[in-house]
């Protein structure tokens, strides 16, 4: 009797929990993609090709972007 009640509640709650699971999965995927940008070879190759894009402080745009992404991932 107790098992039947538990299974019925699980079936009713699957839709609610599926929304949370999909949201969590998408959040982790976006977080991974965001952090993988900093380790991308294409980004470093683009940095070498765009060496004339320096700011007044001497840091390249890509270095600053990498630092901002690091700080954002910590937050």
N, C-alpha and C. Protein backbone atom coordinates (compact mmCIF):
# COMPACT_ATOMS: atom_id res chain seq x y z
N UNK A 1 0.83 -1.20 0.00
CA UNK A 1 0.00 0.00 0.00
C UNK A 1 0.87 1.26 0.00
N UNK A 2 1.88 1.26 0.87
CA UNK A 2 2.76 2.43 0.96
C UNK A 2 3.57 2.60 -0.33
N UNK A 3 4.01 1.50 -0.92
CA UNK A 3 4.76 1.56 -2.18
C UNK A 3 3.89 2.10 -3.30
N UNK A 4 2.65 1.71 -3.35
CA UNK A 4 1.73 2.18 -4.37
C UNK A 4 1.51 3.70 -4.24
N UNK A 5 1.39 4.17 -3.03
CA UNK A 5 1.22 5.59 -2.78
C UNK A 5 2.47 6.37 -3.20
N UNK A 6 3.64 5.83 -2.88
CA UNK A 6 4.90 6.50 -3.23
C UNK A 6 5.07 6.56 -4.75
N UNK A 7 4.78 5.48 -5.44
CA UNK A 7 4.91 5.47 -6.91
C UNK A 7 3.93 6.44 -7.57
N UNK A 8 2.74 6.54 -7.02
CA UNK A 8 1.76 7.47 -7.57
C UNK A 8 2.23 8.92 -7.40
N UNK A 9 2.83 9.23 -6.26
CA UNK A 9 3.36 10.58 -6.04
C UNK A 9 4.55 10.88 -6.93
N UNK A 10 5.39 9.87 -7.18
CA UNK A 10 6.52 10.07 -8.08
C UNK A 10 6.03 10.35 -9.48
N UNK A 11 5.04 9.62 -9.95
CA UNK A 11 4.49 9.84 -11.29
C UNK A 11 3.89 11.23 -11.43
N UNK A 12 3.25 11.71 -10.38
CA UNK A 12 2.65 13.04 -10.42
C UNK A 12 3.72 14.14 -10.41
N UNK A 13 4.84 13.88 -9.80
CA UNK A 13 5.87 14.91 -9.63
C UNK A 13 6.93 14.88 -10.73
N UNK A 14 6.88 13.93 -11.63
CA UNK A 14 7.91 13.81 -12.66
C UNK A 14 7.98 15.08 -13.50
N UNK A 15 6.87 15.64 -13.87
CA UNK A 15 6.86 16.84 -14.71
C UNK A 15 7.52 18.02 -13.98
N UNK A 16 7.23 18.18 -12.69
CA UNK A 16 7.84 19.27 -11.93
C UNK A 16 9.34 19.09 -11.80
N UNK A 17 9.78 17.89 -11.48
CA UNK A 17 11.20 17.64 -11.33
C UNK A 17 11.93 17.67 -12.66
N UNK A 18 11.27 17.34 -13.75
CA UNK A 18 11.90 17.38 -15.07
C UNK A 18 12.27 18.81 -15.44
N UNK A 19 11.43 19.77 -15.09
CA UNK A 19 11.73 21.17 -15.35
C UNK A 19 13.00 21.58 -14.61
N UNK A 20 13.12 21.20 -13.35
CA UNK A 20 14.31 21.53 -12.57
C UNK A 20 15.54 20.84 -13.12
N UNK A 21 15.41 19.60 -13.52
CA UNK A 21 16.54 18.86 -14.07
C UNK A 21 17.03 19.46 -15.38
N UNK A 22 16.11 19.81 -16.27
CA UNK A 22 16.49 20.41 -17.55
C UNK A 22 17.14 21.77 -17.32
N UNK A 23 16.60 22.56 -16.40
CA UNK A 23 17.17 23.86 -16.09
C UNK A 23 18.58 23.72 -15.53
N UNK A 24 18.76 22.77 -14.64
CA UNK A 24 20.08 22.54 -14.07
C UNK A 24 21.08 22.08 -15.14
N UNK A 25 20.64 21.21 -16.02
CA UNK A 25 21.50 20.73 -17.10
C UNK A 25 21.91 21.87 -18.04
N UNK A 26 20.97 22.71 -18.41
CA UNK A 26 21.30 23.85 -19.27
C UNK A 26 22.23 24.83 -18.56
N UNK A 27 22.02 25.04 -17.29
CA UNK A 27 22.89 25.94 -16.53
C UNK A 27 24.32 25.43 -16.48
N UNK A 28 24.50 24.16 -16.26
CA UNK A 28 25.84 23.57 -16.23
C UNK A 28 26.48 23.64 -17.61
N UNK A 29 25.70 23.40 -18.66
CA UNK A 29 26.24 23.46 -20.01
C UNK A 29 26.70 24.87 -20.37
N UNK A 30 25.92 25.87 -20.00
CA UNK A 30 26.30 27.26 -20.26
C UNK A 30 27.53 27.63 -19.45
N UNK A 31 27.59 27.20 -18.21
CA UNK A 31 28.75 27.48 -17.36
C UNK A 31 30.01 26.85 -17.93
N UNK A 32 29.92 25.63 -18.41
CA UNK A 32 31.06 24.95 -19.02
C UNK A 32 31.50 25.66 -20.30
N UNK A 33 30.55 26.01 -21.15
CA UNK A 33 30.89 26.70 -22.39
C UNK A 33 31.53 28.05 -22.12
N UNK A 34 31.03 28.75 -21.12
CA UNK A 34 31.56 30.06 -20.76
C UNK A 34 33.00 29.94 -20.28
N UNK A 35 33.29 28.94 -19.45
CA UNK A 35 34.65 28.76 -18.94
C UNK A 35 35.59 28.15 -19.98
N UNK A 36 35.07 27.43 -20.95
CA UNK A 36 35.91 26.83 -21.98
C UNK A 36 36.42 27.85 -22.98
N UNK A 37 35.78 29.01 -23.05
CA UNK A 37 36.22 30.04 -23.99
C UNK A 37 37.64 30.48 -23.67
N UNK A 38 37.97 30.60 -22.39
CA UNK A 38 39.29 31.05 -21.99
C UNK A 38 40.40 30.09 -22.37
N UNK A 39 40.10 28.82 -22.52
CA UNK A 39 41.11 27.83 -22.88
C UNK A 39 41.11 27.48 -24.36
N UNK A 40 40.35 28.22 -25.13
CA UNK A 40 40.20 27.91 -26.54
C UNK A 40 41.43 28.34 -27.34
N UNK A 41 41.91 27.47 -28.20
CA UNK A 41 43.06 27.80 -29.06
C UNK A 41 42.69 28.86 -30.07
N UNK A 42 41.46 28.84 -30.52
CA UNK A 42 41.03 29.83 -31.51
C UNK A 42 41.14 31.23 -30.92
N UNK A 43 40.82 31.36 -29.65
CA UNK A 43 40.91 32.66 -29.00
C UNK A 43 42.35 33.14 -28.96
N UNK A 44 43.28 32.24 -28.65
CA UNK A 44 44.68 32.63 -28.61
C UNK A 44 45.21 32.95 -30.00
N UNK A 45 44.75 32.23 -31.01
CA UNK A 45 45.16 32.54 -32.37
C UNK A 45 44.61 33.88 -32.82
N UNK A 46 43.39 34.20 -32.41
CA UNK A 46 42.81 35.50 -32.73
C UNK A 46 43.57 36.60 -32.01
N UNK A 47 44.05 36.30 -30.83
CA UNK A 47 44.82 37.29 -30.08
C UNK A 47 46.13 37.60 -30.79
N UNK A 48 46.78 36.58 -31.34
CA UNK A 48 48.03 36.80 -32.07
C UNK A 48 47.78 37.60 -33.34
N UNK A 49 46.64 37.39 -33.98
CA UNK A 49 46.32 38.11 -35.20
C UNK A 49 45.87 39.54 -34.95
N UNK A 50 45.48 39.85 -33.75
CA UNK A 50 44.95 41.18 -33.44
C UNK A 50 45.82 41.88 -32.41
N UNK A 51 47.11 41.82 -32.59
CA UNK A 51 48.02 42.42 -31.61
C UNK A 51 47.99 43.94 -31.64
N UNK A 52 47.41 44.52 -32.66
CA UNK A 52 47.34 45.96 -32.71
C UNK A 52 46.17 46.51 -31.89
N UNK A 53 45.37 45.64 -31.29
CA UNK A 53 44.23 46.07 -30.48
C UNK A 53 44.64 46.12 -29.01
N UNK A 54 45.44 47.08 -28.64
CA UNK A 54 45.87 47.23 -27.26
C UNK A 54 45.16 48.41 -26.63
N UNK A 55 44.90 48.28 -25.35
CA UNK A 55 44.32 49.38 -24.60
C UNK A 55 45.44 50.24 -24.03
N UNK A 56 45.09 51.31 -23.39
CA UNK A 56 46.09 52.23 -22.83
C UNK A 56 46.94 51.55 -21.75
N UNK A 57 46.40 50.57 -21.05
CA UNK A 57 47.15 49.92 -19.98
C UNK A 57 48.14 48.89 -20.52
N UNK A 58 48.08 48.57 -21.80
CA UNK A 58 49.00 47.61 -22.38
C UNK A 58 48.45 46.20 -22.41
N UNK A 59 47.32 45.96 -21.80
CA UNK A 59 46.71 44.62 -21.80
C UNK A 59 45.82 44.49 -23.03
N UNK A 60 45.81 43.31 -23.60
CA UNK A 60 44.97 43.11 -24.78
C UNK A 60 43.52 42.89 -24.36
N UNK A 61 42.66 43.04 -25.31
CA UNK A 61 41.23 42.86 -25.07
C UNK A 61 40.95 41.42 -24.62
N UNK A 62 41.66 40.48 -25.19
CA UNK A 62 41.43 39.07 -24.87
C UNK A 62 41.88 38.75 -23.45
N UNK A 63 42.96 39.38 -22.98
CA UNK A 63 43.40 39.16 -21.60
C UNK A 63 42.35 39.69 -20.61
N UNK A 64 41.84 40.86 -20.91
CA UNK A 64 40.82 41.44 -20.04
C UNK A 64 39.55 40.60 -20.07
N UNK A 65 39.17 40.13 -21.24
CA UNK A 65 38.00 39.27 -21.36
C UNK A 65 38.18 37.99 -20.57
N UNK A 66 39.36 37.42 -20.61
CA UNK A 66 39.64 36.20 -19.84
C UNK A 66 39.55 36.46 -18.35
N UNK A 67 40.05 37.59 -17.89
CA UNK A 67 39.96 37.92 -16.47
C UNK A 67 38.52 38.14 -16.05
N UNK A 68 37.75 38.83 -16.86
CA UNK A 68 36.34 39.08 -16.53
C UNK A 68 35.58 37.76 -16.44
N UNK A 69 35.85 36.84 -17.37
CA UNK A 69 35.17 35.54 -17.33
C UNK A 69 35.56 34.75 -16.09
N UNK A 70 36.83 34.87 -15.68
CA UNK A 70 37.26 34.19 -14.46
C UNK A 70 36.54 34.74 -13.25
N UNK A 71 36.44 36.05 -13.14
CA UNK A 71 35.75 36.66 -12.01
C UNK A 71 34.27 36.30 -12.02
N UNK A 72 33.67 36.30 -13.21
CA UNK A 72 32.25 35.98 -13.30
C UNK A 72 31.98 34.53 -12.91
N UNK A 73 32.89 33.63 -13.25
CA UNK A 73 32.66 32.22 -12.90
C UNK A 73 32.81 32.00 -11.40
N UNK A 74 33.63 32.82 -10.74
CA UNK A 74 33.74 32.72 -9.29
C UNK A 74 32.46 33.19 -8.62
N UNK A 75 31.92 34.28 -9.15
CA UNK A 75 30.67 34.80 -8.60
C UNK A 75 29.56 33.83 -8.86
